[in-house]
N, C-alpha and C. Protein backbone atom coordinates (compact mmCIF):
# COMPACT_ATOMS: atom_id res chain seq x y z
N MET A 1 2.67 -6.23 -3.88
CA MET A 1 3.81 -5.76 -3.53
C MET A 1 4.92 -5.83 -4.25
N SER A 2 6.14 -5.44 -4.25
CA SER A 2 6.96 -5.67 -5.25
C SER A 2 8.51 -5.04 -4.63
N VAL A 3 9.49 -5.82 -4.77
CA VAL A 3 11.08 -5.69 -4.02
C VAL A 3 11.74 -5.82 -5.41
N VAL A 4 12.64 -5.03 -5.66
CA VAL A 4 13.91 -5.03 -6.66
C VAL A 4 15.07 -4.82 -5.20
N PHE A 5 16.03 -6.18 -5.73
CA PHE A 5 17.66 -5.95 -5.23
C PHE A 5 18.74 -5.88 -6.33
N ALA A 6 19.65 -5.38 -6.17
CA ALA A 6 20.74 -6.04 -6.87
C ALA A 6 20.93 -7.07 -7.27
N ARG A 7 21.51 -7.26 -8.29
CA ARG A 7 22.11 -9.06 -8.20
C ARG A 7 23.04 -9.73 -7.03
N ASP A 8 24.04 -8.50 -6.89
CA ASP A 8 24.54 -8.45 -6.44
C ASP A 8 24.78 -9.12 -4.93
N ALA A 9 23.68 -8.43 -4.28
CA ALA A 9 22.92 -8.26 -3.33
C ALA A 9 22.62 -9.87 -2.57
N ILE A 10 21.52 -10.31 -3.83
CA ILE A 10 21.18 -11.55 -3.44
C ILE A 10 21.93 -12.47 -3.77
N LEU A 11 23.33 -12.64 -4.60
CA LEU A 11 24.10 -13.33 -5.00
C LEU A 11 25.08 -13.63 -3.27
N THR A 12 25.22 -12.62 -2.88
CA THR A 12 26.09 -12.62 -1.73
C THR A 12 25.17 -12.47 -0.44
N SER A 13 23.89 -12.47 0.25
CA SER A 13 23.24 -12.04 1.10
C SER A 13 22.21 -13.21 1.17
N HIS A 14 21.40 -14.03 -0.44
CA HIS A 14 20.10 -14.00 -0.55
C HIS A 14 19.37 -15.85 0.41
N LYS A 15 20.40 -15.92 1.54
CA LYS A 15 20.16 -17.04 3.30
C LYS A 15 19.45 -15.30 4.07
N GLU A 16 20.04 -14.39 3.94
CA GLU A 16 19.63 -13.90 5.14
C GLU A 16 18.82 -12.67 4.36
N ILE A 17 18.09 -12.71 3.45
CA ILE A 17 17.18 -12.06 2.62
C ILE A 17 16.07 -13.33 2.95
N SER A 18 16.21 -14.04 2.54
CA SER A 18 14.96 -14.85 3.14
C SER A 18 14.53 -15.02 4.09
N ASP A 19 16.01 -15.24 5.14
CA ASP A 19 15.54 -15.43 6.18
C ASP A 19 14.39 -14.18 6.93
N GLN A 20 15.08 -13.16 6.70
CA GLN A 20 14.22 -12.24 6.74
C GLN A 20 12.43 -11.33 6.09
N PHE A 21 12.79 -11.89 4.92
CA PHE A 21 11.20 -12.52 4.53
C PHE A 21 10.32 -13.23 5.43
N LYS A 22 11.57 -14.46 5.45
CA LYS A 22 10.38 -15.28 6.14
C LYS A 22 9.78 -15.37 7.43
N ARG A 23 10.75 -14.39 8.48
CA ARG A 23 10.35 -13.48 9.54
C ARG A 23 9.32 -12.54 9.28
N LEU A 24 9.25 -11.54 8.11
CA LEU A 24 8.23 -10.80 7.99
C LEU A 24 6.91 -11.45 7.53
N LEU A 25 7.13 -12.47 6.91
CA LEU A 25 6.08 -13.14 6.59
C LEU A 25 4.50 -13.82 7.92
N LEU A 26 5.94 -14.39 8.58
CA LEU A 26 5.44 -14.81 9.61
C LEU A 26 4.66 -13.94 10.77
N LYS A 27 5.63 -12.49 10.44
CA LYS A 27 4.48 -11.91 11.62
C LYS A 27 3.38 -11.40 11.30
N ILE A 28 3.42 -11.01 9.78
CA ILE A 28 2.40 -11.37 9.25
C ILE A 28 0.62 -11.84 9.73
N GLU A 29 1.45 -12.74 9.62
CA GLU A 29 0.65 -14.01 9.50
C GLU A 29 -0.23 -14.20 11.06
N THR A 30 0.83 -13.66 12.22
CA THR A 30 0.48 -13.64 13.24
C THR A 30 -0.61 -12.48 13.39
N GLU A 31 -0.28 -11.16 12.90
CA GLU A 31 -0.62 -10.07 13.48
C GLU A 31 -2.57 -10.11 12.39
N THR A 32 -1.91 -10.87 11.01
CA THR A 32 -3.56 -10.82 10.98
C THR A 32 -4.34 -11.63 11.56
N GLU A 33 -4.01 -13.16 11.75
CA GLU A 33 -4.81 -14.34 12.80
C GLU A 33 -5.51 -13.31 13.85
N LEU A 34 -4.81 -12.43 14.63
CA LEU A 34 -5.22 -11.70 15.55
C LEU A 34 -6.22 -10.53 15.63
N ILE A 35 -5.84 -10.28 14.48
CA ILE A 35 -6.99 -9.46 13.83
C ILE A 35 -8.02 -10.38 13.78
N GLN A 36 -8.08 -10.85 13.55
CA GLN A 36 -9.95 -11.79 12.65
C GLN A 36 -10.19 -11.78 13.57
N LYS A 37 -9.49 -12.31 14.41
CA LYS A 37 -10.18 -13.38 16.15
C LYS A 37 -10.52 -11.99 16.81
N ASP A 38 -10.30 -11.00 16.77
CA ASP A 38 -10.24 -9.37 17.91
C ASP A 38 -10.42 -8.34 16.61
N ASN A 39 -11.66 -7.84 16.30
CA ASN A 39 -11.66 -6.66 15.46
C ASN A 39 -11.01 -4.92 16.29
N LEU A 40 -10.77 -5.16 17.15
CA LEU A 40 -9.88 -4.03 18.03
C LEU A 40 -8.80 -3.94 18.14
N SER A 41 -7.97 -5.29 17.84
CA SER A 41 -7.34 -4.92 18.13
C SER A 41 -5.86 -4.53 16.29
N ARG A 42 -5.03 -4.58 16.87
CA ARG A 42 -4.06 -3.77 16.09
C ARG A 42 -2.06 -4.56 16.33
N GLY A 43 -2.10 -4.59 15.33
CA GLY A 43 -0.40 -5.05 15.14
C GLY A 43 0.03 -4.03 14.51
N GLU A 44 1.38 -4.18 14.92
CA GLU A 44 3.05 -3.16 14.26
C GLU A 44 2.92 -3.28 12.87
N LEU A 45 2.51 -4.12 11.55
CA LEU A 45 2.18 -3.87 10.27
C LEU A 45 1.83 -4.03 9.89
N ILE A 46 0.08 -4.65 10.66
CA ILE A 46 -0.90 -5.11 9.93
C ILE A 46 -2.42 -4.23 10.56
N ASP A 47 -3.27 -3.77 9.96
CA ASP A 47 -4.23 -2.65 10.70
C ASP A 47 -5.28 -2.66 9.87
N SER A 48 -6.81 -2.65 10.67
CA SER A 48 -7.95 -3.45 9.76
C SER A 48 -8.44 -1.69 9.29
N ALA A 49 -9.05 -1.90 7.98
CA ALA A 49 -9.91 -0.49 7.26
C ALA A 49 -10.80 -1.14 6.31
N ARG A 50 -11.78 -0.13 6.52
CA ARG A 50 -12.89 -0.29 6.13
C ARG A 50 -12.99 -0.04 4.80
N VAL A 51 -13.30 -0.27 3.79
CA VAL A 51 -12.87 0.08 2.19
C VAL A 51 -14.49 -0.62 1.53
N GLY A 52 -15.29 0.43 0.38
CA GLY A 52 -16.20 -0.06 -0.07
C GLY A 52 -16.23 0.58 -1.64
N ALA A 53 -16.79 -0.45 -2.07
CA ALA A 53 -17.27 -0.10 -3.46
C ALA A 53 -18.11 -0.25 -3.86
N ILE A 54 -18.89 0.55 -4.97
CA ILE A 54 -20.39 0.85 -5.93
C ILE A 54 -19.71 0.61 -6.70
N LEU A 55 -20.77 -0.24 -7.57
CA LEU A 55 -20.56 -0.04 -9.21
C LEU A 55 -22.13 0.99 -9.34
N ARG A 56 -21.16 1.87 -10.40
CA ARG A 56 -22.35 3.12 -10.74
C ARG A 56 -22.13 3.30 -12.72
N SER A 57 -23.33 3.70 -12.89
CA SER A 57 -24.04 3.63 -14.38
C SER A 57 -24.15 4.92 -14.62
N GLY A 58 -23.58 4.90 -16.48
CA GLY A 58 -24.34 6.35 -16.12
C GLY A 58 -25.43 6.71 -16.67
N SER A 59 -25.91 7.82 -17.43
CA SER A 59 -27.08 7.73 -17.72
C SER A 59 -27.69 6.77 -19.22
N ASP A 60 -26.61 6.66 -19.73
CA ASP A 60 -27.13 5.57 -20.74
C ASP A 60 -26.91 3.73 -20.70
N ASN A 61 -26.79 3.62 -18.77
CA ASN A 61 -26.52 2.34 -18.86
C ASN A 61 -25.24 1.53 -19.25
N LYS A 62 -24.73 2.15 -20.18
CA LYS A 62 -23.69 1.41 -21.46
C LYS A 62 -22.22 1.51 -20.31
N HIS A 63 -22.00 3.30 -19.91
CA HIS A 63 -21.19 3.63 -19.66
C HIS A 63 -20.82 3.29 -17.59
N ARG A 64 -20.29 2.09 -17.08
CA ARG A 64 -19.89 1.61 -15.54
C ARG A 64 -19.01 2.07 -15.07
N TRP A 65 -18.83 2.22 -14.19
CA TRP A 65 -17.03 2.23 -13.34
C TRP A 65 -17.60 1.71 -12.16
N TRP A 66 -16.40 1.62 -10.86
CA TRP A 66 -16.36 1.31 -9.34
C TRP A 66 -16.25 2.75 -8.98
N ASP A 67 -16.95 2.76 -8.23
CA ASP A 67 -16.91 3.97 -7.05
C ASP A 67 -15.87 3.57 -5.61
N ILE A 68 -14.84 3.79 -5.77
CA ILE A 68 -14.38 2.91 -4.56
C ILE A 68 -13.94 4.15 -3.83
N GLU A 69 -14.35 3.45 -1.98
CA GLU A 69 -14.09 4.73 -1.22
C GLU A 69 -13.20 4.00 -0.41
N ASP A 70 -11.39 4.36 -0.46
CA ASP A 70 -10.59 3.41 -0.08
C ASP A 70 -9.73 4.85 0.77
N GLU A 71 -10.09 5.81 1.23
CA GLU A 71 -9.25 7.07 1.81
C GLU A 71 -9.01 6.15 3.37
N LYS A 72 -9.70 5.07 3.92
CA LYS A 72 -9.02 4.78 5.23
C LYS A 72 -7.50 3.49 4.92
N MET A 73 -7.26 4.09 3.53
CA MET A 73 -6.51 2.77 3.72
C MET A 73 -5.19 4.04 3.13
N LYS A 74 -4.71 5.34 2.91
CA LYS A 74 -3.93 5.72 2.61
C LYS A 74 -3.43 6.38 3.83
N CYS A 75 -1.69 6.17 4.09
CA CYS A 75 -1.17 6.92 5.34
C CYS A 75 -1.10 7.76 5.22
N GLU A 76 -0.75 9.40 5.91
CA GLU A 76 -0.29 10.15 5.41
C GLU A 76 1.45 10.38 5.98
N PHE A 77 1.94 11.48 5.36
CA PHE A 77 3.27 11.27 5.96
C PHE A 77 3.21 11.97 7.39
N GLY A 78 4.45 11.80 8.54
CA GLY A 78 4.40 12.18 9.51
C GLY A 78 5.88 12.56 9.38
N GLU A 79 6.05 13.56 10.63
CA GLU A 79 7.44 14.16 10.68
C GLU A 79 8.78 13.29 11.08
N ASN A 80 8.11 11.71 11.71
CA ASN A 80 8.69 10.94 12.42
C ASN A 80 8.91 10.13 11.61
N ASP A 81 8.51 9.61 9.85
CA ASP A 81 8.63 8.38 9.25
C ASP A 81 9.92 8.79 8.40
N PRO A 82 10.38 7.45 8.25
CA PRO A 82 11.56 7.26 7.72
C PRO A 82 11.65 8.73 6.29
N PRO A 83 13.23 8.96 6.36
CA PRO A 83 13.66 10.01 4.81
C PRO A 83 12.85 9.86 3.85
N LYS A 84 12.96 7.86 3.20
CA LYS A 84 12.39 7.40 1.74
C LYS A 84 10.63 6.48 2.34
N TYR A 85 10.24 7.27 2.92
CA TYR A 85 8.51 6.37 3.22
C TYR A 85 8.00 6.85 2.34
N TRP A 86 7.03 6.28 1.49
CA TRP A 86 6.22 5.88 0.75
C TRP A 86 4.80 6.27 1.44
N GLY A 87 4.32 6.61 2.05
CA GLY A 87 2.94 7.13 2.31
C GLY A 87 1.60 6.96 1.61
N GLU A 88 1.71 7.34 0.80
CA GLU A 88 0.05 7.13 0.03
C GLU A 88 0.57 6.77 -1.15
N ILE A 89 1.33 5.42 -1.99
CA ILE A 89 1.78 4.63 -3.25
C ILE A 89 0.29 4.69 -3.69
N GLY A 90 -0.01 5.06 -4.75
CA GLY A 90 -1.12 5.38 -5.13
C GLY A 90 -1.72 3.75 -5.42
N LEU A 91 -3.07 3.32 -5.61
CA LEU A 91 -3.95 2.56 -6.03
C LEU A 91 -3.94 1.47 -7.37
N TYR A 92 -4.41 0.81 -7.83
CA TYR A 92 -4.44 0.47 -9.14
C TYR A 92 -3.35 0.60 -10.15
N THR A 93 -1.88 0.86 -10.29
CA THR A 93 -1.26 1.15 -10.88
C THR A 93 -0.07 0.17 -10.68
N ASP A 94 0.91 0.11 -12.09
CA ASP A 94 2.00 -0.64 -12.88
C ASP A 94 3.19 0.08 -11.58
N ASP A 95 3.03 1.41 -12.33
CA ASP A 95 4.35 2.47 -11.53
C ASP A 95 3.74 3.24 -10.54
N PHE A 96 3.88 2.97 -9.25
CA PHE A 96 4.12 4.06 -8.42
C PHE A 96 4.09 4.85 -8.10
N ILE A 97 6.05 5.06 -8.95
CA ILE A 97 6.56 6.52 -9.01
C ILE A 97 5.74 6.98 -9.53
N ALA A 98 5.26 6.73 -10.43
CA ALA A 98 5.27 8.05 -11.93
C ALA A 98 3.62 8.30 -11.61
N SER A 99 3.13 7.90 -10.87
CA SER A 99 1.59 8.23 -10.71
C SER A 99 1.84 8.20 -9.12
N SER A 100 2.83 9.11 -8.47
CA SER A 100 2.47 8.74 -6.81
C SER A 100 2.44 10.63 -6.89
N ASN A 101 1.18 11.18 -5.83
CA ASN A 101 0.87 12.21 -6.18
C ASN A 101 1.31 13.40 -4.73
N LYS A 102 2.61 12.33 -3.82
CA LYS A 102 3.74 12.88 -3.00
C LYS A 102 4.95 12.15 -3.31
N TYR A 103 5.59 13.04 -2.52
CA TYR A 103 7.38 12.18 -2.61
C TYR A 103 7.73 12.57 -1.72
N PRO A 104 8.72 11.30 -0.76
CA PRO A 104 9.16 11.89 0.15
C PRO A 104 9.73 12.87 0.68
N TRP A 105 10.57 13.14 -0.72
CA TRP A 105 11.33 14.30 -0.56
C TRP A 105 10.74 15.69 -0.32
N MET A 106 9.58 15.39 -0.98
CA MET A 106 9.23 16.91 -1.55
C MET A 106 8.02 17.32 -0.60
N PRO A 107 7.93 18.04 0.41
CA PRO A 107 6.67 18.87 1.13
C PRO A 107 5.37 19.08 0.76
N SER A 108 5.46 18.65 -0.30
CA SER A 108 3.68 19.20 -1.05
C SER A 108 3.36 18.29 -1.97
N SER A 109 2.05 18.37 -2.30
CA SER A 109 1.48 17.51 -3.33
C SER A 109 1.79 18.11 -4.77
N ILE A 110 2.13 16.70 -5.84
CA ILE A 110 2.55 17.59 -7.38
C ILE A 110 1.44 17.48 -7.77
N SER A 111 0.83 16.10 -7.22
CA SER A 111 -0.47 16.59 -8.75
C SER A 111 -1.94 15.50 -7.60
N LYS A 112 -2.72 15.82 -8.61
CA LYS A 112 -4.27 15.18 -8.21
C LYS A 112 -4.34 14.05 -8.46
N ASP A 113 -4.26 13.10 -7.43
CA ASP A 113 -4.93 11.74 -7.49
C ASP A 113 -5.76 11.05 -9.04
N GLU A 114 -4.76 10.31 -9.98
CA GLU A 114 -5.74 10.05 -11.03
C GLU A 114 -6.16 8.12 -11.19
N PHE A 115 -7.41 8.64 -11.62
CA PHE A 115 -7.96 6.61 -10.95
C PHE A 115 -8.10 6.12 -12.51
N PRO A 116 -7.98 4.81 -12.91
CA PRO A 116 -7.91 4.49 -14.43
C PRO A 116 -9.55 4.09 -14.87
N PHE A 117 -10.30 4.38 -14.04
CA PHE A 117 -11.12 4.29 -14.77
C PHE A 117 -12.82 5.62 -14.98
């Protein structure tokens, strides 16, 4: 997760920002503990998802890659989502804006998912 603030916002509101992050992290910790104790439970922020990975090899056994099944982690856009909701942020990338195949303000996909391996 990466969060960026303007310098002025940090200078004037660092205490409020810190307090809100502490509350958020406490809620994440509480919900995570609940799901660990009862795998059928769901939180407001945390939900469990099954993810798998298989190491594949090419016919020459030299070329290898991970086949990752992460479809359950993706969130679809809904009509009630906030206007700037980034539901399908690409995994395995440093620049999620450039690598995204959907943008909140566009009704359809603009490109296919690309994996770095």
